[in-house]
């Protein structure tokens, strides 16, 4: 990672390499942290942060579910994110706000520890993620690890602890020769990728796992649904089974880092003709136009830096 600009920590900007925490920070030991992943894009009007307000709102909701009172208002955090991006001097970047229990007391109970906030950003080229590169799509497997659900912990929160489960699935997929994992819940329903939402196209219909299954309600997922609806289409939120994946015409995954990523095979079974399908290609172009300020219908999603 190239250290560029500065990192915002509890109200002040510090040099990138000096943004440090104590080794006994509570979050390091007990995963008592929530976070967001946000993108800033180059647009015809200059750098702009994509759906900043929606991300900040979800950050506060995640913190609330973990009894963490953020010592700043949503506007203060949004302003801090803008300030951090400006300090980076990057035309495009990935942004990571992190809320975590800090150093002070050790032990499982977190409530005596301060709630600290850090905001960092770095260069992470759009359309490129750790789950495959380029436009050709990715090869997925159905993970042997079940996706934990809201009976275990709040799955609608974007929390560090949730991603321990996801990381097991990601590592298993990579070590088995795949690019990404798709996770099922304990009832065999398709839930998510390790860090993405899943969409299935079959006979012209587009479906995605229902929010009632305890998925993380992705900002990119919501953006794609709104783009589809704006174009006169609709998305069905429903239960999707493993075998529904194998007979799909197209499958794509969405996330801030991945944006819209076509899936060309699952468990080495070809999806469609093993190439990005027409629906996926159309949505990738439409999403890029919205995120980069080329579609005025979605201009309210962009916050100028």
C-alpha atoms as a PDB file:
ATOM      1  CA  UNK A   1       0.000   0.000   0.000  1.00  0.00           C
ATOM      2  CA  UNK A   2       1.410   3.375  -1.007  1.00  0.00           C
ATOM      3  CA  UNK A   3       1.284   5.823   1.899  1.00  0.00           C
ATOM      4  CA  UNK A   4      -0.269   8.987   0.490  1.00  0.00           C
ATOM      5  CA  UNK A   5      -1.654  11.975   2.328  1.00  0.00           C
ATOM      6  CA  UNK A   6      -2.831  11.737   5.905  1.00  0.00           C
ATOM      7  CA  UNK A   7      -5.177   9.743   8.130  1.00  0.00           C
ATOM      8  CA  UNK A   8      -7.862  11.346  10.282  1.00  0.00           C
ATOM      9  CA  UNK A   9      -7.732  10.069  13.874  1.00  0.00           C
ATOM     10  CA  UNK A  10     -10.102  11.368  16.530  1.00  0.00           C
ATOM     11  CA  UNK A  11     -10.355  14.839  15.087  1.00  0.00           C
ATOM     12  CA  UNK A  12      -6.914  15.492  13.642  1.00  0.00           C
ATOM     13  CA  UNK A  13      -4.981  14.578  10.536  1.00  0.00           C
ATOM     14  CA  UNK A  14      -1.748  12.675  11.173  1.00  0.00           C
ATOM     15  CA  UNK A  15       0.924  11.470   8.739  1.00  0.00           C
ATOM     16  CA  UNK A  16      -0.069   8.187   7.069  1.00  0.00           C
ATOM     17  CA  UNK A  17       2.800   6.230   8.623  1.00  0.00           C
ATOM     18  CA  UNK A  18       2.177   7.659  12.091  1.00  0.00           C
ATOM     19  CA  UNK A  19      -1.437   6.496  12.411  1.00  0.00           C
ATOM     20  CA  UNK A  20      -0.854   3.906  15.137  1.00  0.00           C
ATOM     21  CA  UNK A  21      -2.748   2.256  17.994  1.00  0.00           C
ATOM     22  CA  UNK A  22      -1.555   0.449  21.121  1.00  0.00           C
ATOM     23  CA  UNK A  23      -1.050  -3.307  20.872  1.00  0.00           C
ATOM     24  CA  UNK A  24      -3.613  -3.736  23.685  1.00  0.00           C
ATOM     25  CA  UNK A  25      -6.316  -1.848  21.802  1.00  0.00           C
ATOM     26  CA  UNK A  26      -9.586  -3.664  22.554  1.00  0.00           C
ATOM     27  CA  UNK A  27     -10.571  -4.025  18.897  1.00  0.00           C
ATOM     28  CA  UNK A  28      -7.381  -5.963  18.108  1.00  0.00           C
ATOM     29  CA  UNK A  29      -8.293  -8.635  20.642  1.00  0.00           C
ATOM     30  CA  UNK A  30     -12.101  -8.802  20.476  1.00  0.00           C
ATOM     31  CA  UNK A  31     -13.013  -7.430  17.004  1.00  0.00           C
ATOM     32  CA  UNK A  32     -14.957  -4.577  18.619  1.00  0.00           C
ATOM     33  CA  UNK A  33     -15.023  -2.428  15.490  1.00  0.00           C
ATOM     34  CA  UNK A  34     -17.340  -1.388  12.684  1.00  0.00           C
ATOM     35  CA  UNK A  35     -16.337   0.196   9.404  1.00  0.00           C
ATOM     36  CA  UNK A  36     -17.322   1.330   5.915  1.00  0.00           C
ATOM     37  CA  UNK A  37     -15.836   1.042   2.451  1.00  0.00           C
ATOM     38  CA  UNK A  38     -16.470   4.082   0.238  1.00  0.00           C
ATOM     39  CA  UNK A  39     -15.156   5.220  -3.133  1.00  0.00           C
ATOM     40  CA  UNK A  40     -14.191   8.611  -4.474  1.00  0.00           C
ATOM     41  CA  UNK A  41     -14.359   8.850  -8.270  1.00  0.00           C
ATOM     42  CA  UNK A  42     -13.018  11.255 -10.842  1.00  0.00           C
ATOM     43  CA  UNK A  43     -15.953  13.069 -12.456  1.00  0.00           C
ATOM     44  CA  UNK A  44     -16.300  15.881 -15.022  1.00  0.00           C
ATOM     45  CA  UNK A  45     -16.684  18.258 -12.051  1.00  0.00           C
ATOM     46  CA  UNK A  46     -13.700  16.942 -10.136  1.00  0.00           C
ATOM     47  CA  UNK A  47     -13.304  14.215  -7.477  1.00  0.00           C
ATOM     48  CA  UNK A  48     -16.586  13.182  -5.840  1.00  0.00           C
ATOM     49  CA  UNK A  49     -17.434  10.696  -3.099  1.00  0.00           C
ATOM     50  CA  UNK A  50     -20.072   8.132  -4.081  1.00  0.00           C
ATOM     51  CA  UNK A  51     -23.115   7.942  -1.787  1.00  0.00           C
ATOM     52  CA  UNK A  52     -21.325   9.470   1.177  1.00  0.00           C
ATOM     53  CA  UNK A  53     -24.452  10.111   3.249  1.00  0.00           C
ATOM     54  CA  UNK A  54     -25.711   6.529   2.844  1.00  0.00           C
ATOM     55  CA  UNK A  55     -22.360   5.125   3.962  1.00  0.00           C
ATOM     56  CA  UNK A  56     -22.116   7.417   6.991  1.00  0.00           C
ATOM     57  CA  UNK A  57     -25.676   6.567   8.005  1.00  0.00           C
ATOM     58  CA  UNK A  58     -24.917   2.844   7.833  1.00  0.00           C
ATOM     59  CA  UNK A  59     -21.728   3.369   9.855  1.00  0.00           C
ATOM     60  CA  UNK A  60     -23.755   4.922  12.664  1.00  0.00           C
ATOM     61  CA  UNK A  61     -26.352   2.148  12.503  1.00  0.00           C
ATOM     62  CA  UNK A  62     -23.609  -0.471  12.714  1.00  0.00           C
ATOM     63  CA  UNK A  63     -22.110   1.261  15.750  1.00  0.00           C
ATOM     64  CA  UNK A  64     -25.518   1.443  17.432  1.00  0.00           C
ATOM     65  CA  UNK A  65     -26.015  -2.313  17.048  1.00  0.00           C
ATOM     66  CA  UNK A  66     -22.743  -2.829  18.908  1.00  0.00           C
ATOM     67  CA  UNK A  67     -23.543  -0.271  21.646  1.00  0.00           C
ATOM     68  CA  UNK A  68     -20.828   2.062  20.421  1.00  0.00           C
ATOM     69  CA  UNK A  69     -21.712   5.739  20.685  1.00  0.00           C
ATOM     70  CA  UNK A  70     -19.665   7.618  18.097  1.00  0.00           C
ATOM     71  CA  UNK A  71     -18.401  10.852  19.702  1.00  0.00           C
ATOM     72  CA  UNK A  72     -19.142  12.860  16.560  1.00  0.00           C
ATOM     73  CA  UNK A  73     -22.246  13.723  14.563  1.00  0.00           C
ATOM     74  CA  UNK A  74     -22.918  12.229  11.135  1.00  0.00           C
ATOM     75  CA  UNK A  75     -22.127  15.595   9.569  1.00  0.00           C
ATOM     76  CA  UNK A  76     -18.811  15.792  11.418  1.00  0.00           C
ATOM     77  CA  UNK A  77     -17.826  12.346  10.162  1.00  0.00           C
ATOM     78  CA  UNK A  78     -18.903  13.201   6.604  1.00  0.00           C
ATOM     79  CA  UNK A  79     -16.877  16.413   6.750  1.00  0.00           C
ATOM     80  CA  UNK A  80     -13.888  14.490   8.145  1.00  0.00           C
ATOM     81  CA  UNK A  81     -14.091  12.030   5.244  1.00  0.00           C
ATOM     82  CA  UNK A  82     -14.061  14.901   2.743  1.00  0.00           C
ATOM     83  CA  UNK A  83     -11.138  16.484   4.582  1.00  0.00           C
ATOM     84  CA  UNK A  84      -9.176  13.234   4.524  1.00  0.00           C
ATOM     85  CA  UNK A  85      -9.732  12.741   0.796  1.00  0.00           C
ATOM     86  CA  UNK A  86      -8.592  16.310   0.128  1.00  0.00           C
ATOM     87  CA  UNK A  87      -5.436  15.690   2.148  1.00  0.00           C
ATOM     88  CA  UNK A  88      -4.669  12.582   0.075  1.00  0.00           C
ATOM     89  CA  UNK A  89      -4.504  14.638  -3.128  1.00  0.00           C
ATOM     90  CA  UNK A  90      -5.814  11.587  -5.002  1.00  0.00           C
ATOM     91  CA  UNK A  91      -8.254  12.029  -7.868  1.00  0.00           C
ATOM     92  CA  UNK A  92      -9.727   8.600  -7.119  1.00  0.00           C
ATOM     93  CA  UNK A  93      -9.424   6.539  -3.963  1.00  0.00           C
ATOM     94  CA  UNK A  94     -10.938   3.978  -1.643  1.00  0.00           C
ATOM     95  CA  UNK A  95     -11.975   5.325   1.774  1.00  0.00           C
ATOM     96  CA  UNK A  96     -12.089   3.388   5.045  1.00  0.00           C
ATOM     97  CA  UNK A  97     -13.810   4.967   8.091  1.00  0.00           C
ATOM     98  CA  UNK A  98     -13.257   2.796  11.174  1.00  0.00           C
ATOM     99  CA  UNK A  99     -14.978   3.026  14.560  1.00  0.00           C
ATOM    100  CA  UNK A 100     -13.357   0.912  17.247  1.00  0.00           C
ATOM    101  CA  UNK A 101     -12.970   0.317  20.968  1.00  0.00           C
ATOM    102  CA  UNK A 102      -9.619   1.740  21.954  1.00  0.00           C
ATOM    103  CA  UNK A 103      -6.885   1.185  24.504  1.00  0.00           C
ATOM    104  CA  UNK A 104      -7.601   1.384  28.237  1.00  0.00           C
ATOM    105  CA  UNK A 105      -9.003  -1.784  29.785  1.00  0.00           C
ATOM    106  CA  UNK A 106      -8.517  -5.402  28.789  1.00  0.00           C
ATOM    107  CA  UNK A 107     -11.146  -8.101  29.040  1.00  0.00           C
ATOM    108  CA  UNK A 108     -14.153  -9.074  26.999  1.00  0.00           C
ATOM    109  CA  UNK A 109     -16.467  -6.321  28.285  1.00  0.00           C
ATOM    110  CA  UNK A 110     -15.877  -3.368  25.945  1.00  0.00           C
ATOM    111  CA  UNK A 111     -17.963  -0.607  27.486  1.00  0.00           C
ATOM    112  CA  UNK A 112     -15.208   0.929  29.646  1.00  0.00           C
ATOM    113  CA  UNK A 113     -13.040   1.585  26.593  1.00  0.00           C
ATOM    114  CA  UNK A 114     -13.214   4.732  24.491  1.00  0.00           C
ATOM    115  CA  UNK A 115     -14.882   4.718  21.090  1.00  0.00           C
ATOM    116  CA  UNK A 116     -12.243   5.951  18.659  1.00  0.00           C
ATOM    117  CA  UNK A 117     -12.596   6.906  14.996  1.00  0.00           C
ATOM    118  CA  UNK A 118     -10.085   6.772  12.158  1.00  0.00           C
ATOM    119  CA  UNK A 119     -10.492   7.580   8.466  1.00  0.00           C
ATOM    120  CA  UNK A 120      -7.977   6.558   5.817  1.00  0.00           C
ATOM    121  CA  UNK A 121      -7.921   6.503   2.045  1.00  0.00           C
ATOM    122  CA  UNK A 122      -5.617   5.031  -0.543  1.00  0.00           C
ATOM    123  CA  UNK A 123      -5.359   4.253  -4.223  1.00  0.00           C
ATOM    124  CA  UNK A 124      -7.386   1.167  -5.159  1.00  0.00           C
ATOM    125  CA  UNK A 125      -8.234   1.247  -8.878  1.00  0.00           C
ATOM    126  CA  UNK A 126     -11.953   1.011  -9.592  1.00  0.00           C
ATOM    127  CA  UNK A 127     -13.101  -2.206 -11.187  1.00  0.00           C
ATOM    128  CA  UNK A 128     -10.184  -4.077  -9.666  1.00  0.00           C
ATOM    129  CA  UNK A 129     -10.400  -6.083  -6.468  1.00  0.00           C
ATOM    130  CA  UNK A 130      -8.765  -9.004  -4.741  1.00  0.00           C
ATOM    131  CA  UNK A 131     -11.411 -11.226  -6.329  1.00  0.00           C
ATOM    132  CA  UNK A 132     -10.256 -11.206  -9.910  1.00  0.00           C
ATOM    133  CA  UNK A 133      -9.260  -8.418 -12.266  1.00  0.00           C
ATOM    134  CA  UNK A 134     -10.254  -7.060 -15.612  1.00  0.00           C
ATOM    135  CA  UNK A 135     -13.599  -7.539 -17.352  1.00  0.00           C
ATOM    136  CA  UNK A 136     -13.641 -11.289 -17.942  1.00  0.00           C
ATOM    137  CA  UNK A 137     -15.385 -12.260 -14.729  1.00  0.00           C
ATOM    138  CA  UNK A 138     -14.534 -14.464 -11.793  1.00  0.00           C
ATOM    139  CA  UNK A 139     -14.692 -18.142 -10.898  1.00  0.00           C
ATOM    140  CA  UNK A 140     -16.553 -18.881  -7.671  1.00  0.00           C
ATOM    141  CA  UNK A 141     -17.144 -21.847  -5.419  1.00  0.00           C
ATOM    142  CA  UNK A 142     -19.873 -22.465  -2.885  1.00  0.00           C
ATOM    143  CA  UNK A 143     -18.070 -22.329   0.422  1.00  0.00           C
ATOM    144  CA  UNK A 144     -18.041 -25.170   2.912  1.00  0.00           C
ATOM    145  CA  UNK A 145     -18.310 -22.481   5.597  1.00  0.00           C
ATOM    146  CA  UNK A 146     -21.900 -21.492   6.413  1.00  0.00           C
ATOM    147  CA  UNK A 147     -22.708 -17.809   6.645  1.00  0.00           C
ATOM    148  CA  UNK A 148     -23.549 -16.950  10.251  1.00  0.00           C
ATOM    149  CA  UNK A 149     -26.896 -15.244  10.704  1.00  0.00           C
ATOM    150  CA  UNK A 150     -28.640 -12.778  12.975  1.00  0.00           C
ATOM    151  CA  UNK A 151     -29.222 -15.442  15.610  1.00  0.00           C
ATOM    152  CA  UNK A 152     -25.485 -15.201  16.285  1.00  0.00           C
ATOM    153  CA  UNK A 153     -24.741 -11.487  15.912  1.00  0.00           C
ATOM    154  CA  UNK A 154     -26.086  -8.452  13.998  1.00  0.00           C
ATOM    155  CA  UNK A 155     -25.471  -9.267  10.362  1.00  0.00           C
ATOM    156  CA  UNK A 156     -26.861  -5.969   9.081  1.00  0.00           C
ATOM    157  CA  UNK A 157     -23.917  -4.278  10.773  1.00  0.00           C
ATOM    158  CA  UNK A 158     -20.683  -3.930   8.825  1.00  0.00           C
ATOM    159  CA  UNK A 159     -18.550  -5.159  11.683  1.00  0.00           C
ATOM    160  CA  UNK A 160     -15.037  -6.550  11.908  1.00  0.00           C
ATOM    161  CA  UNK A 161     -16.293  -9.664  13.676  1.00  0.00           C
ATOM    162  CA  UNK A 162     -18.614 -10.580  10.798  1.00  0.00           C
ATOM    163  CA  UNK A 163     -15.690 -10.580   8.407  1.00  0.00           C
ATOM    164  CA  UNK A 164     -13.843 -13.303  10.295  1.00  0.00           C
ATOM    165  CA  UNK A 165     -16.490 -15.685   8.946  1.00  0.00           C
ATOM    166  CA  UNK A 166     -16.148 -14.196   5.463  1.00  0.00           C
ATOM    167  CA  UNK A 167     -12.353 -14.383   5.525  1.00  0.00           C
ATOM    168  CA  UNK A 168     -12.481 -18.137   6.133  1.00  0.00           C
ATOM    169  CA  UNK A 169     -14.590 -18.529   3.008  1.00  0.00           C
ATOM    170  CA  UNK A 170     -12.331 -16.233   0.944  1.00  0.00           C
ATOM    171  CA  UNK A 171      -9.135 -18.064   1.926  1.00  0.00           C
ATOM    172  CA  UNK A 172     -10.731 -21.453   1.255  1.00  0.00           C
ATOM    173  CA  UNK A 173     -11.764 -20.295  -2.221  1.00  0.00           C
ATOM    174  CA  UNK A 174      -8.352 -18.907  -3.102  1.00  0.00           C
ATOM    175  CA  UNK A 175      -6.519 -21.982  -1.846  1.00  0.00           C
ATOM    176  CA  UNK A 176      -8.838 -24.165  -3.934  1.00  0.00           C
ATOM    177  CA  UNK A 177      -8.077 -22.263  -7.136  1.00  0.00           C
ATOM    178  CA  UNK A 178     -11.130 -19.986  -7.251  1.00  0.00           C
ATOM    179  CA  UNK A 179     -11.395 -16.197  -7.174  1.00  0.00           C
ATOM    180  CA  UNK A 180     -14.238 -15.859  -4.701  1.00  0.00           C
ATOM    181  CA  UNK A 181     -16.659 -17.779  -2.474  1.00  0.00           C
ATOM    182  CA  UNK A 182     -20.437 -17.737  -2.340  1.00  0.00           C
ATOM    183  CA  UNK A 183     -21.829 -18.475   1.108  1.00  0.00           C
ATOM    184  CA  UNK A 184     -25.046 -20.275   2.092  1.00  0.00           C
ATOM    185  CA  UNK A 185     -26.922 -19.907   5.356  1.00  0.00           C
ATOM    186  CA  UNK A 186     -27.765 -22.810   7.659  1.00  0.00           C
ATOM    187  CA  UNK A 187     -30.932 -23.532   5.623  1.00  0.00           C
ATOM    188  CA  UNK A 188     -29.066 -23.718   2.321  1.00  0.00           C
ATOM    189  CA  UNK A 189     -30.085 -20.301   1.008  1.00  0.00           C
ATOM    190  CA  UNK A 190     -27.624 -18.245  -0.990  1.00  0.00           C
ATOM    191  CA  UNK A 191     -26.674 -15.226   1.124  1.00  0.00           C
ATOM    192  CA  UNK A 192     -23.565 -13.378  -0.067  1.00  0.00           C
ATOM    193  CA  UNK A 193     -20.062 -13.614  -1.380  1.00  0.00           C
ATOM    194  CA  UNK A 194     -17.313 -13.073   1.145  1.00  0.00           C
ATOM    195  CA  UNK A 195     -17.584  -9.316   0.597  1.00  0.00           C
ATOM    196  CA  UNK A 196     -20.248  -8.853  -2.071  1.00  0.00           C
ATOM    197  CA  UNK A 197     -23.967  -9.162  -2.671  1.00  0.00           C
ATOM    198  CA  UNK A 198     -25.187 -11.656  -5.278  1.00  0.00           C
ATOM    199  CA  UNK A 199     -27.571 -11.150  -8.225  1.00  0.00           C
ATOM    200  CA  UNK A 200     -28.967 -13.906 -10.465  1.00  0.00           C
ATOM    201  CA  UNK A 201     -30.412 -13.424 -13.972  1.00  0.00           C
ATOM    202  CA  UNK A 202     -32.701 -16.158 -15.313  1.00  0.00           C
ATOM    203  CA  UNK A 203     -35.108 -15.900 -18.270  1.00  0.00           C
ATOM    204  CA  UNK A 204     -34.902 -12.113 -18.184  1.00  0.00           C
ATOM    205  CA  UNK A 205     -35.740 -11.837 -14.472  1.00  0.00           C
ATOM    206  CA  UNK A 206     -33.228 -10.434 -11.979  1.00  0.00           C
ATOM    207  CA  UNK A 207     -33.271 -11.705  -8.398  1.00  0.00           C
ATOM    208  CA  UNK A 208     -31.160 -11.207  -5.302  1.00  0.00           C
ATOM    209  CA  UNK A 209     -31.255 -12.745  -1.817  1.00  0.00           C
ATOM    210  CA  UNK A 210     -33.849 -11.114   0.411  1.00  0.00           C
ATOM    211  CA  UNK A 211     -32.738  -8.735   3.151  1.00  0.00           C
ATOM    212  CA  UNK A 212     -34.748 -10.928   5.544  1.00  0.00           C
ATOM    213  CA  UNK A 213     -31.976 -13.542   5.215  1.00  0.00           C
ATOM    214  CA  UNK A 214     -29.634 -11.300   7.186  1.00  0.00           C
ATOM    215  CA  UNK A 215     -27.514 -10.061   4.315  1.00  0.00           C
ATOM    216  CA  UNK A 216     -25.476  -6.909   4.617  1.00  0.00           C
ATOM    217  CA  UNK A 217     -27.625  -4.405   2.739  1.00  0.00           C
ATOM    218  CA  UNK A 218     -24.939  -3.153   0.404  1.00  0.00           C
ATOM    219  CA  UNK A 219     -24.855   0.428  -0.855  1.00  0.00           C
ATOM    220  CA  UNK A 220     -23.734  -0.830  -4.275  1.00  0.00           C
ATOM    221  CA  UNK A 221     -26.549  -3.400  -4.187  1.00  0.00           C
ATOM    222  CA  UNK A 222     -29.060  -0.637  -3.505  1.00  0.00           C
ATOM    223  CA  UNK A 223     -27.553   1.542  -6.230  1.00  0.00           C
ATOM    224  CA  UNK A 224     -27.854  -1.246  -8.794  1.00  0.00           C
ATOM    225  CA  UNK A 225     -31.480  -1.900  -7.829  1.00  0.00           C
ATOM    226  CA  UNK A 226     -32.281   1.808  -8.228  1.00  0.00           C
ATOM    227  CA  UNK A 227     -30.541   1.914 -11.625  1.00  0.00           C
ATOM    228  CA  UNK A 228     -32.574  -1.093 -12.779  1.00  0.00           C
ATOM    229  CA  UNK A 229     -35.822   0.464 -11.551  1.00  0.00           C
ATOM    230  CA  UNK A 230     -34.982   3.819 -13.145  1.00  0.00           C
ATOM    231  CA  UNK A 231     -34.597   1.953 -16.440  1.00  0.00           C
ATOM    232  CA  UNK A 232     -38.063   0.417 -16.110  1.00  0.00           C
ATOM    233  CA  UNK A 233     -37.039  -2.966 -14.727  1.00  0.00           C
ATOM    234  CA  UNK A 234     -37.338  -4.523 -11.307  1.00  0.00           C
ATOM    235  CA  UNK A 235     -35.490  -6.868  -8.993  1.00  0.00           C
ATOM    236  CA  UNK A 236     -37.134  -9.720  -7.088  1.00  0.00           C
ATOM    237  CA  UNK A 237     -35.853 -10.237  -3.551  1.00  0.00           C
ATOM    238  CA  UNK A 238     -36.287 -13.909  -2.791  1.00  0.00           C
ATOM    239  CA  UNK A 239     -34.704 -17.070  -1.468  1.00  0.00           C
ATOM    240  CA  UNK A 240     -32.133 -18.494  -3.909  1.00  0.00           C
ATOM    241  CA  UNK A 241     -30.879 -22.052  -3.587  1.00  0.00           C
ATOM    242  CA  UNK A 242     -27.508 -23.472  -4.587  1.00  0.00           C
ATOM    243  CA  UNK A 243     -28.847 -25.275  -7.641  1.00  0.00           C
ATOM    244  CA  UNK A 244     -30.472 -22.035  -8.852  1.00  0.00           C
ATOM    245  CA  UNK A 245     -26.947 -20.724  -9.330  1.00  0.00           C
ATOM    246  CA  UNK A 246     -25.917 -23.527 -11.669  1.00  0.00           C
ATOM    247  CA  UNK A 247     -28.786 -22.957 -14.119  1.00  0.00           C
ATOM    248  CA  UNK A 248     -28.649 -19.150 -14.130  1.00  0.00           C
ATOM    249  CA  UNK A 249     -28.177 -17.278 -17.382  1.00  0.00           C
ATOM    250  CA  UNK A 250     -26.002 -14.696 -15.653  1.00  0.00           C
ATOM    251  CA  UNK A 251     -24.682 -14.053 -12.147  1.00  0.00           C
ATOM    252  CA  UNK A 252     -22.936 -10.941 -10.940  1.00  0.00           C
ATOM    253  CA  UNK A 253     -21.725  -9.691  -7.583  1.00  0.00           C
ATOM    254  CA  UNK A 254     -21.716  -6.146  -6.252  1.00  0.00           C
ATOM    255  CA  UNK A 255     -19.647  -4.289  -3.675  1.00  0.00           C
ATOM    256  CA  UNK A 256     -17.744  -1.059  -3.174  1.00  0.00           C
ATOM    257  CA  UNK A 257     -14.380  -2.654  -3.996  1.00  0.00           C
ATOM    258  CA  UNK A 258     -15.679  -5.073  -6.637  1.00  0.00           C
ATOM    259  CA  UNK A 259     -18.257  -2.669  -8.120  1.00  0.00           C
ATOM    260  CA  UNK A 260     -20.090  -5.066 -10.486  1.00  0.00           C
ATOM    261  CA  UNK A 261     -18.208  -8.299 -11.041  1.00  0.00           C
ATOM    262  CA  UNK A 262     -19.494 -10.953 -13.519  1.00  0.00           C
ATOM    263  CA  UNK A 263     -19.378 -14.572 -12.375  1.00  0.00           C
ATOM    264  CA  UNK A 264     -18.479 -16.967 -15.166  1.00  0.00           C
ATOM    265  CA  UNK A 265     -18.462 -20.269 -13.277  1.00  0.00           C
ATOM    266  CA  UNK A 266     -19.467 -21.758  -9.926  1.00  0.00           C
ATOM    267  CA  UNK A 267     -17.910 -24.993  -8.697  1.00  0.00           C
ATOM    268  CA  UNK A 268     -16.413 -25.235 -12.197  1.00  0.00           C
ATOM    269  CA  UNK A 269     -19.891 -25.270 -13.755  1.00  0.00           C
ATOM    270  CA  UNK A 270     -20.184 -22.680 -16.527  1.00  0.00           C
ATOM    271  CA  UNK A 271     -22.669 -19.872 -16.033  1.00  0.00           C
ATOM    272  CA  UNK A 272     -24.313 -19.055 -19.360  1.00  0.00           C
ATOM    273  CA  UNK A 273     -21.584 -19.041 -21.998  1.00  0.00           C
ATOM    274  CA  UNK A 274     -18.908 -18.411 -19.352  1.00  0.00           C
ATOM    275  CA  UNK A 275     -18.662 -14.763 -20.378  1.00  0.00           C
ATOM    276  CA  UNK A 276     -20.189 -11.586 -18.912  1.00  0.00           C
ATOM    277  CA  UNK A 277     -23.815 -11.523 -20.083  1.00  0.00           C
ATOM    278  CA  UNK A 278     -25.758  -8.634 -21.644  1.00  0.00           C
ATOM    279  CA  UNK A 279     -27.565  -7.641 -18.448  1.00  0.00           C
ATOM    280  CA  UNK A 280     -24.321  -7.560 -16.484  1.00  0.00           C
ATOM    281  CA  UNK A 281     -22.520  -5.577 -19.182  1.00  0.00           C
ATOM    282  CA  UNK A 282     -25.343  -3.041 -19.376  1.00  0.00           C
ATOM    283  CA  UNK A 283     -25.425  -2.575 -15.617  1.00  0.00           C
ATOM    284  CA  UNK A 284     -21.648  -2.184 -15.408  1.00  0.00           C
ATOM    285  CA  UNK A 285     -21.803   0.675 -17.908  1.00  0.00           C
ATOM    286  CA  UNK A 286     -24.789   2.262 -16.170  1.00  0.00           C
ATOM    287  CA  UNK A 287     -23.160   2.012 -12.748  1.00  0.00           C
ATOM    288  CA  UNK A 288     -19.907   3.519 -14.027  1.00  0.00           C
ATOM    289  CA  UNK A 289     -21.846   6.398 -15.592  1.00  0.00           C
ATOM    290  CA  UNK A 290     -23.679   7.075 -12.324  1.00  0.00           C
ATOM    291  CA  UNK A 291     -20.559   6.828 -10.148  1.00  0.00           C
ATOM    292  CA  UNK A 292     -18.453   8.997 -12.445  1.00  0.00           C
ATOM    293  CA  UNK A 293     -21.022  11.740 -12.879  1.00  0.00           C
ATOM    294  CA  UNK A 294     -21.898  10.987 -16.486  1.00  0.00           C
ATOM    295  CA  UNK A 295     -25.577  10.296 -15.710  1.00  0.00           C
ATOM    296  CA  UNK A 296     -27.291  13.375 -14.295  1.00  0.00           C
ATOM    297  CA  UNK A 297     -30.204  11.293 -12.999  1.00  0.00           C
ATOM    298  CA  UNK A 298     -27.975  10.150 -10.140  1.00  0.00           C
ATOM    299  CA  UNK A 299     -26.045  13.360  -9.508  1.00  0.00           C
ATOM    300  CA  UNK A 300     -27.361  13.507  -5.930  1.00  0.00           C
ATOM    301  CA  UNK A 301     -25.275  10.413  -5.154  1.00  0.00           C
ATOM    302  CA  UNK A 302     -22.064  12.402  -5.587  1.00  0.00           C
ATOM    303  CA  UNK A 303     -20.481  14.662  -2.961  1.00  0.00           C
ATOM    304  CA  UNK A 304     -17.819  16.949  -4.463  1.00  0.00           C
ATOM    305  CA  UNK A 305     -14.449  17.002  -2.719  1.00  0.00           C
END
